[in-house]
PDB file of N, CA and C in Angstrom:
ATOM      1  N   UNK A   1     -90.007  90.112 120.167  1.00  0.00           N
ATOM      2  CA  UNK A   1     -91.052  90.060 118.020  1.00  0.00           C
ATOM      3  C   UNK A   1     -90.920  88.530 117.639  1.00  0.00           C
ATOM      4  N   UNK A   2     -91.590  88.589 116.827  1.00  0.00           N
ATOM      5  CA  UNK A   2     -91.942  86.857 116.339  1.00  0.00           C
ATOM      6  C   UNK A   2     -91.129  87.098 115.033  1.00  0.00           C
ATOM      7  N   UNK A   3     -90.571  85.910 114.904  1.00  0.00           N
ATOM      8  CA  UNK A   3     -89.649  86.435 113.051  1.00  0.00           C
ATOM      9  C   UNK A   3     -90.864  86.643 111.990  1.00  0.00           C
ATOM     10  N   UNK A   4     -92.387  86.927 112.108  1.00  0.00           N
ATOM     11  CA  UNK A   4     -92.894  86.596 110.958  1.00  0.00           C
ATOM     12  C   UNK A   4     -93.182  88.285 110.561  1.00  0.00           C
ATOM     13  N   UNK A   5     -93.390  89.073 112.483  1.00  0.00           N
ATOM     14  CA  UNK A   5     -93.641  90.250 112.683  1.00  0.00           C
ATOM     15  C   UNK A   5     -92.176  91.225 112.006  1.00  0.00           C
ATOM     16  N   UNK A   6     -90.990  90.401 112.144  1.00  0.00           N
ATOM     17  CA  UNK A   6     -89.543  90.437 111.258  1.00  0.00           C
ATOM     18  C   UNK A   6     -90.002  91.209 110.305  1.00  0.00           C
ATOM     19  N   UNK A   7     -90.276  90.005 109.558  1.00  0.00           N
ATOM     20  CA  UNK A   7     -90.023  89.794 108.413  1.00  0.00           C
ATOM     21  C   UNK A   7     -90.929  89.981 107.501  1.00  0.00           C
ATOM     22  N   UNK A   8     -92.355  90.649 108.298  1.00  0.00           N
ATOM     23  CA  UNK A   8     -93.614  91.695 106.866  1.00  0.00           C
ATOM     24  C   UNK A   8     -92.746  93.277 107.633  1.00  0.00           C
ATOM     25  N   UNK A   9     -92.292  93.524 108.779  1.00  0.00           N
ATOM     26  CA  UNK A   9     -90.797  94.835 109.010  1.00  0.00           C
ATOM     27  C   UNK A   9     -90.378  94.736 107.704  1.00  0.00           C
ATOM     28  N   UNK A  10     -89.350  94.475 107.906  1.00  0.00           N
ATOM     29  CA  UNK A  10     -88.264  93.626 107.543  1.00  0.00           C
ATOM     30  C   UNK A  10     -89.346  94.904 105.289  1.00  0.00           C
ATOM     31  N   UNK A  11     -89.830  93.516 104.845  1.00  0.00           N
ATOM     32  CA  UNK A  11     -90.580  94.222 103.702  1.00  0.00           C
ATOM     33  C   UNK A  11     -91.494  95.447 103.628  1.00  0.00           C
ATOM     34  N   UNK A  12     -91.640  95.709 104.954  1.00  0.00           N
ATOM     35  CA  UNK A  12     -92.290  97.949 104.018  1.00  0.00           C
ATOM     36  C   UNK A  12     -91.525  97.977 104.373  1.00  0.00           C
ATOM     37  N   UNK A  13     -90.232  98.060 104.715  1.00  0.00           N
ATOM     38  CA  UNK A  13     -89.478  98.543 104.720  1.00  0.00           C
ATOM     39  C   UNK A  13     -88.655  98.969 102.585  1.00  0.00           C
ATOM     40  N   UNK A  14     -88.507  98.145 102.233  1.00  0.00           N
ATOM     41  CA  UNK A  14     -88.546  98.349 100.862  1.00  0.00           C
ATOM     42  C   UNK A  14     -89.385  98.767 100.135  1.00  0.00           C
ATOM     43  N   UNK A  15     -88.321  99.212  98.734  1.00  0.00           N
ATOM     44  CA  UNK A  15     -89.511  99.907  98.266  1.00  0.00           C
ATOM     45  C   UNK A  15     -90.439  99.064  96.805  1.00  0.00           C
ATOM     46  N   UNK A  16     -91.550  99.017  96.603  1.00  0.00           N
ATOM     47  CA  UNK A  16     -92.729  98.065  96.948  1.00  0.00           C
ATOM     48  C   UNK A  16     -92.834  97.589  95.377  1.00  0.00           C
ATOM     49  N   UNK A  17     -92.031  98.042  94.826  1.00  0.00           N
ATOM     50  CA  UNK A  17     -91.034  97.106  93.561  1.00  0.00           C
ATOM     51  C   UNK A  17     -90.625  95.293  93.622  1.00  0.00           C
ATOM     52  N   UNK A  18     -90.197  95.633  95.510  1.00  0.00           N
ATOM     53  CA  UNK A  18     -88.732  94.590  95.373  1.00  0.00           C
ATOM     54  C   UNK A  18     -89.896  93.697  96.006  1.00  0.00           C
ATOM     55  N   UNK A  19     -90.499  94.138  96.683  1.00  0.00           N
ATOM     56  CA  UNK A  19     -91.770  94.063  98.064  1.00  0.00           C
ATOM     57  C   UNK A  19     -92.372  92.724  96.829  1.00  0.00           C
ATOM     58  N   UNK A  20     -93.121  93.829  95.835  1.00  0.00           N
ATOM     59  CA  UNK A  20     -93.393  92.060  94.555  1.00  0.00           C
ATOM     60  C   UNK A  20     -92.704  91.483  94.852  1.00  0.00           C
ATOM     61  N   UNK A  21     -91.304  91.691  94.201  1.00  0.00           N
ATOM     62  CA  UNK A  21     -89.439  90.975  93.959  1.00  0.00           C
ATOM     63  C   UNK A  21     -89.763  89.176  94.614  1.00  0.00           C
ATOM     64  N   UNK A  22     -89.959  90.021  96.226  1.00  0.00           N
ATOM     65  CA  UNK A  22     -89.922  89.119  96.933  1.00  0.00           C
ATOM     66  C   UNK A  22     -91.146  88.237  96.826  1.00  0.00           C
ATOM     67  N   UNK A  23     -92.512  89.626  97.476  1.00  0.00           N
ATOM     68  CA  UNK A  23     -94.013  88.194  98.324  1.00  0.00           C
ATOM     69  C   UNK A  23     -94.060  87.223  96.238  1.00  0.00           C
ATOM     70  N   UNK A  24     -93.407  87.390  95.550  1.00  0.00           N
ATOM     71  CA  UNK A  24     -93.281  85.783  94.440  1.00  0.00           C
ATOM     72  C   UNK A  24     -92.833  85.097  93.864  1.00  0.00           C
ATOM     73  N   UNK A  25     -91.404  85.410  95.276  1.00  0.00           N
ATOM     74  CA  UNK A  25     -90.061  84.199  95.113  1.00  0.00           C
ATOM     75  C   UNK A  25     -90.499  83.555  96.919  1.00  0.00           C
ATOM     76  N   UNK A  26     -91.379  84.127  97.453  1.00  0.00           N
ATOM     77  CA  UNK A  26     -91.606  83.701  98.830  1.00  0.00           C
ATOM     78  C   UNK A  26     -93.659  82.359  97.830  1.00  0.00           C
ATOM     79  N   UNK A  27     -93.964  83.240  96.654  1.00  0.00           N
ATOM     80  CA  UNK A  27     -95.132  81.854  96.343  1.00  0.00           C
ATOM     81  C   UNK A  27     -94.314  80.710  95.779  1.00  0.00           C
ATOM     82  N   UNK A  28     -93.445  81.312  95.091  1.00  0.00           N
ATOM     83  CA  UNK A  28     -92.953  80.543  94.764  1.00  0.00           C
ATOM     84  C   UNK A  28     -92.348  79.852  94.842  1.00  0.00           C
ATOM     85  N   UNK A  29     -91.499  79.319  96.326  1.00  0.00           N
ATOM     86  CA  UNK A  29     -91.506  78.339  97.464  1.00  0.00           C
ATOM     87  C   UNK A  29     -92.538  77.462  98.189  1.00  0.00           C
ATOM     88  N   UNK A  30     -94.074  78.803  97.924  1.00  0.00           N
ATOM     89  CA  UNK A  30     -94.999  78.365  98.780  1.00  0.00           C
ATOM     90  C   UNK A  30     -95.276  76.548  97.006  1.00  0.00           C
ATOM     91  N   UNK A  31     -95.629  77.246  96.508  1.00  0.00           N
ATOM     92  CA  UNK A  31     -96.166  76.398  94.742  1.00  0.00           C
ATOM     93  C   UNK A  31     -94.600  74.453  94.984  1.00  0.00           C
ATOM     94  N   UNK A  32     -93.724  75.584  94.884  1.00  0.00           N
ATOM     95  CA  UNK A  32     -93.305  73.598  95.049  1.00  0.00           C
ATOM     96  C   UNK A  32     -92.868  73.687  95.688  1.00  0.00           C
ATOM     97  N   UNK A  33     -92.913  73.767  97.335  1.00  0.00           N
ATOM     98  CA  UNK A  33     -93.435  72.662  98.486  1.00  0.00           C
ATOM     99  C   UNK A  33     -94.530  72.224  98.413  1.00  0.00           C
ATOM    100  N   UNK A  34     -95.450  71.898  97.745  1.00  0.00           N
ATOM    101  CA  UNK A  34     -96.323  70.535  97.150  1.00  0.00           C
ATOM    102  C   UNK A  34     -97.743  70.970  97.773  1.00  0.00           C
ATOM    103  N   UNK A  35     -97.555  72.828  98.416  1.00  0.00           N
ATOM    104  CA  UNK A  35     -98.495  72.120  99.143  1.00  0.00           C
ATOM    105  C   UNK A  35     -99.765  73.437  98.849  1.00  0.00           C
ATOM    106  N   UNK A  36    -100.912  72.484  98.462  1.00  0.00           N
ATOM    107  CA  UNK A  36    -101.959  73.463  97.765  1.00  0.00           C
ATOM    108  C   UNK A  36    -101.726  72.589  95.901  1.00  0.00           C
ATOM    109  N   UNK A  37    -101.286  72.132  95.895  1.00  0.00           N
ATOM    110  CA  UNK A  37    -101.546  71.750  93.876  1.00  0.00           C
ATOM    111  C   UNK A  37    -101.998  70.815  93.775  1.00  0.00           C
ATOM    112  N   UNK A  38    -102.670  71.943  92.987  1.00  0.00           N
ATOM    113  CA  UNK A  38    -103.949  70.856  91.418  1.00  0.00           C
ATOM    114  C   UNK A  38    -103.213  70.108  90.392  1.00  0.00           C
ATOM    115  N   UNK A  39    -102.084  70.632  90.210  1.00  0.00           N
ATOM    116  CA  UNK A  39    -102.431  69.623  89.004  1.00  0.00           C
ATOM    117  C   UNK A  39    -101.223  69.120  89.919  1.00  0.00           C
ATOM    118  N   UNK A  40    -101.745  67.829  88.191  1.00  0.00           N
ATOM    119  CA  UNK A  40    -101.688  66.482  88.985  1.00  0.00           C
ATOM    120  C   UNK A  40     -99.963  66.092  88.377  1.00  0.00           C
ATOM    121  N   UNK A  41     -99.167  65.420  89.265  1.00  0.00           N
ATOM    122  CA  UNK A  41     -97.010  65.446  88.595  1.00  0.00           C
ATOM    123  C   UNK A  41     -96.855  65.348  86.821  1.00  0.00           C
ATOM    124  N   UNK A  42     -98.252  64.301  86.677  1.00  0.00           N
ATOM    125  CA  UNK A  42     -97.762  63.450  85.319  1.00  0.00           C
ATOM    126  C   UNK A  42     -97.495  64.672  84.064  1.00  0.00           C
ATOM    127  N   UNK A  43     -98.968  65.155  84.419  1.00  0.00           N
ATOM    128  CA  UNK A  43     -98.571  66.889  83.472  1.00  0.00           C
ATOM    129  C   UNK A  43     -97.344  67.281  83.911  1.00  0.00           C
ATOM    130  N   UNK A  44     -97.089  68.111  84.540  1.00  0.00           N
ATOM    131  CA  UNK A  44     -96.188  68.878  83.978  1.00  0.00           C
ATOM    132  C   UNK A  44     -94.450  67.784  83.953  1.00  0.00           C
ATOM    133  N   UNK A  45     -93.590  68.484  83.745  1.00  0.00           N
ATOM    134  CA  UNK A  45     -91.935  68.260  83.230  1.00  0.00           C
ATOM    135  C   UNK A  45     -91.350  68.573  84.453  1.00  0.00           C
ATOM    136  N   UNK A  46     -90.835  67.592  84.876  1.00  0.00           N
ATOM    137  CA  UNK A  46     -89.901  68.084  86.074  1.00  0.00           C
ATOM    138  C   UNK A  46     -89.353  69.874  85.948  1.00  0.00           C
ATOM    139  N   UNK A  47     -88.966  70.911  86.443  1.00  0.00           N
ATOM    140  CA  UNK A  47     -87.667  71.564  86.434  1.00  0.00           C
ATOM    141  C   UNK A  47     -86.811  71.322  87.738  1.00  0.00           C
ATOM    142  N   UNK A  48     -86.053  72.135  87.230  1.00  0.00           N
ATOM    143  CA  UNK A  48     -84.712  72.554  88.971  1.00  0.00           C
ATOM    144  C   UNK A  48     -86.300  74.257  89.212  1.00  0.00           C
ATOM    145  N   UNK A  49     -84.944  73.780  90.889  1.00  0.00           N
ATOM    146  CA  UNK A  49     -86.268  75.315  91.815  1.00  0.00           C
ATOM    147  C   UNK A  49     -84.590  76.219  91.079  1.00  0.00           C
ATOM    148  N   UNK A  50     -83.915  76.161  90.921  1.00  0.00           N
ATOM    149  CA  UNK A  50     -83.105  76.472  89.850  1.00  0.00           C
ATOM    150  C   UNK A  50     -83.632  77.405  88.641  1.00  0.00           C
ATOM    151  N   UNK A  51     -84.121  77.169  88.006  1.00  0.00           N
ATOM    152  CA  UNK A  51     -85.209  77.087  86.802  1.00  0.00           C
ATOM    153  C   UNK A  51     -85.956  78.372  87.258  1.00  0.00           C
ATOM    154  N   UNK A  52     -87.107  77.641  87.648  1.00  0.00           N
ATOM    155  CA  UNK A  52     -88.010  78.458  88.336  1.00  0.00           C
ATOM    156  C   UNK A  52     -87.326  79.819  88.448  1.00  0.00           C
ATOM    157  N   UNK A  53     -86.779  80.255  89.243  1.00  0.00           N
ATOM    158  CA  UNK A  53     -85.841  81.029  90.175  1.00  0.00           C
ATOM    159  C   UNK A  53     -84.844  82.134  89.942  1.00  0.00           C
ATOM    160  N   UNK A  54     -85.123  81.582  88.409  1.00  0.00           N
ATOM    161  CA  UNK A  54     -84.195  82.225  87.613  1.00  0.00           C
ATOM    162  C   UNK A  54     -84.238  83.520  87.873  1.00  0.00           C
ATOM    163  N   UNK A  55     -85.532  84.434  87.989  1.00  0.00           N
ATOM    164  CA  UNK A  55     -86.149  85.414  87.211  1.00  0.00           C
ATOM    165  C   UNK A  55     -85.307  85.935  88.976  1.00  0.00           C
ATOM    166  N   UNK A  56     -85.594  85.530  89.648  1.00  0.00           N
ATOM    167  CA  UNK A  56     -85.022  85.951  91.804  1.00  0.00           C
ATOM    168  C   UNK A  56     -83.708  86.502  91.583  1.00  0.00           C
ATOM    169  N   UNK A  57     -83.100  85.226  90.841  1.00  0.00           N
ATOM    170  CA  UNK A  57     -81.746  85.966  90.640  1.00  0.00           C
ATOM    171  C   UNK A  57     -80.729  87.006  91.031  1.00  0.00           C
ATOM    172  N   UNK A  58     -79.963  88.018  91.729  1.00  0.00           N
ATOM    173  CA  UNK A  58     -79.732  89.188  92.131  1.00  0.00           C
ATOM    174  C   UNK A  58     -80.908  90.507  92.316  1.00  0.00           C
ATOM    175  N   UNK A  59     -81.213  89.489  92.718  1.00  0.00           N
ATOM    176  CA  UNK A  59     -82.820  91.207  93.079  1.00  0.00           C
ATOM    177  C   UNK A  59     -82.536  91.239  94.391  1.00  0.00           C
ATOM    178  N   UNK A  60     -81.710  90.613  95.171  1.00  0.00           N
ATOM    179  CA  UNK A  60     -81.554  90.477  96.630  1.00  0.00           C
ATOM    180  C   UNK A  60     -79.688  92.071  96.797  1.00  0.00           C
ATOM    181  N   UNK A  61     -79.799  92.316  97.221  1.00  0.00           N
ATOM    182  CA  UNK A  61     -78.366  92.145  97.551  1.00  0.00           C
ATOM    183  C   UNK A  61     -77.526  92.130  98.758  1.00  0.00           C
ATOM    184  N   UNK A  62     -76.487  91.885  98.604  1.00  0.00           N
ATOM    185  CA  UNK A  62     -75.345  90.734  99.342  1.00  0.00           C
ATOM    186  C   UNK A  62     -74.470  89.974  98.647  1.00  0.00           C
ATOM    187  N   UNK A  63     -73.817  89.508 100.028  1.00  0.00           N
ATOM    188  CA  UNK A  63     -72.132  88.830  99.680  1.00  0.00           C
ATOM    189  C   UNK A  63     -72.656  88.223  98.817  1.00  0.00           C
ATOM    190  N   UNK A  64     -71.487  87.596  97.807  1.00  0.00           N
ATOM    191  CA  UNK A  64     -72.000  87.122  96.822  1.00  0.00           C
ATOM    192  C   UNK A  64     -71.696  85.474  97.303  1.00  0.00           C
ATOM    193  N   UNK A  65     -71.379  84.898  98.234  1.00  0.00           N
ATOM    194  CA  UNK A  65     -70.751  83.689  98.992  1.00  0.00           C
ATOM    195  C   UNK A  65     -70.737  83.781  99.841  1.00  0.00           C
ATOM    196  N   UNK A  66     -70.308  83.354 100.873  1.00  0.00           N
ATOM    197  CA  UNK A  66     -70.310  83.293 102.519  1.00  0.00           C
ATOM    198  C   UNK A  66     -68.834  83.582 102.305  1.00  0.00           C
ATOM    199  N   UNK A  67     -67.788  82.834 102.243  1.00  0.00           N
ATOM    200  CA  UNK A  67     -65.969  83.087 101.533  1.00  0.00           C
ATOM    201  C   UNK A  67     -66.022  85.355 101.950  1.00  0.00           C
ATOM    202  N   UNK A  68     -66.908  85.148 102.229  1.00  0.00           N
ATOM    203  CA  UNK A  68     -66.615  87.385 101.277  1.00  0.00           C
ATOM    204  C   UNK A  68     -66.171  87.260 103.287  1.00  0.00           C
ATOM    205  N   UNK A  69     -67.285  86.437 104.547  1.00  0.00           N
ATOM    206  CA  UNK A  69     -66.073  86.845 106.075  1.00  0.00           C
ATOM    207  C   UNK A  69     -65.564  85.716 106.123  1.00  0.00           C
ATOM    208  N   UNK A  70     -64.502  85.844 106.330  1.00  0.00           N
ATOM    209  CA  UNK A  70     -63.393  84.616 106.532  1.00  0.00           C
ATOM    210  C   UNK A  70     -63.950  84.095 107.775  1.00  0.00           C
ATOM    211  N   UNK A  71     -64.741  84.409 108.807  1.00  0.00           N
ATOM    212  CA  UNK A  71     -65.367  83.782 110.066  1.00  0.00           C
ATOM    213  C   UNK A  71     -66.001  82.719 109.384  1.00  0.00           C
ATOM    214  N   UNK A  72     -66.556  82.990 108.814  1.00  0.00           N
ATOM    215  CA  UNK A  72     -67.544  81.790 108.190  1.00  0.00           C
ATOM    216  C   UNK A  72     -67.069  80.473 107.830  1.00  0.00           C
ATOM    217  N   UNK A  73     -65.272  80.254 107.650  1.00  0.00           N
ATOM    218  CA  UNK A  73     -64.719  79.271 106.860  1.00  0.00           C
ATOM    219  C   UNK A  73     -63.041  79.494 108.053  1.00  0.00           C
ATOM    220  N   UNK A  74     -63.422  79.557 109.673  1.00  0.00           N
ATOM    221  CA  UNK A  74     -62.950  79.829 110.049  1.00  0.00           C
ATOM    222  C   UNK A  74     -62.842  78.357 110.546  1.00  0.00           C
ATOM    223  N   UNK A  75     -62.348  76.664 110.504  1.00  0.00           N
ATOM    224  CA  UNK A  75     -61.718  75.699 111.234  1.00  0.00           C
ATOM    225  C   UNK A  75     -61.764  74.571 109.873  1.00  0.00           C
ATOM    226  N   UNK A  76     -62.342  75.797 108.847  1.00  0.00           N
ATOM    227  CA  UNK A  76     -63.811  73.958 108.074  1.00  0.00           C
ATOM    228  C   UNK A  76     -62.155  73.510 107.881  1.00  0.00           C
ATOM    229  N   UNK A  77     -62.751  72.268 107.049  1.00  0.00           N
ATOM    230  CA  UNK A  77     -62.191  70.931 107.593  1.00  0.00           C
ATOM    231  C   UNK A  77     -60.903  70.296 107.433  1.00  0.00           C
ATOM    232  N   UNK A  78     -61.387  70.210 109.439  1.00  0.00           N
ATOM    233  CA  UNK A  78     -60.476  70.379 110.292  1.00  0.00           C
ATOM    234  C   UNK A  78     -61.798  69.454 111.396  1.00  0.00           C
ATOM    235  N   UNK A  79     -61.003  68.920 111.518  1.00  0.00           N
ATOM    236  CA  UNK A  79     -61.645  67.362 112.769  1.00  0.00           C
ATOM    237  C   UNK A  79     -62.028  67.175 113.740  1.00  0.00           C
TER     238      UNK A  79
END
């Protein structure tokens, strides 16, 4: 199964409201990638991705950070 098929399958299992939030987030990422940009950079005040994505923060469930799984920290700081 391709990554696109996996993403679509997982997206279909989400409630409609969450699907729309994810699609809005993907659109935001696409717009920030610079693809198909019609607005000149001179006309816009620079904004961080954090500012633009603020409405999506916390819309998905999961651990607050990777330190909740100590395996991610194993060997950290060792040369």
